[in-house]
């Protein structure tokens, strides 16, 4: 579905991505794990057209989307839920969700997807008319994911969805990510909580200083001694 071939990105004098190859197969949760500064977020931003590529190719269903504008990437069905939630604090929950559907004009479909988001996140329904800035961190993360889903993505990319959240909320978020996949949305997940990410991943990549250094089935990587030592605290 999504294929990255030999992708290179430079920031000034920094070689941020060093010829990475990555695939997101249909019907999968794919995780990208690694330390801060490894290039994980840059990878997602590259896919979205938010950073310039030096070389390499990004294919979506065999179509070259390497250099198309971000708006066109979203139209293709690829959406990024960014690190830090980035909700609109002075708008209500419902208004934030409607912004997620800004490229759509199928009124009935938008309403149906809003109801689905409220099924996934019942707390959002309870707070439909509450300003997003007054929500807790966990609630804002739920809203950010819900807003991304309102664009009707075929590939949902999540950048650190558990960052700064309480353990119980993290458990809920990861359970919902699995439900999203079961509903037919493919997921590419960046997550510092490597254990939680690998547990739900069909496949995963390990990134170090701009390179993919390991890859494999999520649960197999959990048992790899190098991964245990570097990312699982064992």
Foldseek 3Di string as FASTA:
>chain_A
DKWWFQWWADDVPATQAGGETDDFDFLFEEEEEEDPSLNPVVVLCQLLQNGQIPDTFIADVNHTPRHPHNVVSLVVQEFELDPPLPFDQAAFLQVLLVVLQVVDDPVVVLVVLLVVLCVLPVVCVVRRRPGLNPDDPLVSLSSSQSSPCSSVHQEYEYEASCPPHDPVSVVSVLVSVLVVSVVRRYYYYYHLLLVSSLVRGQKYFYTGSNYTDDIDGSVVLVPDPVCCVRRVVD
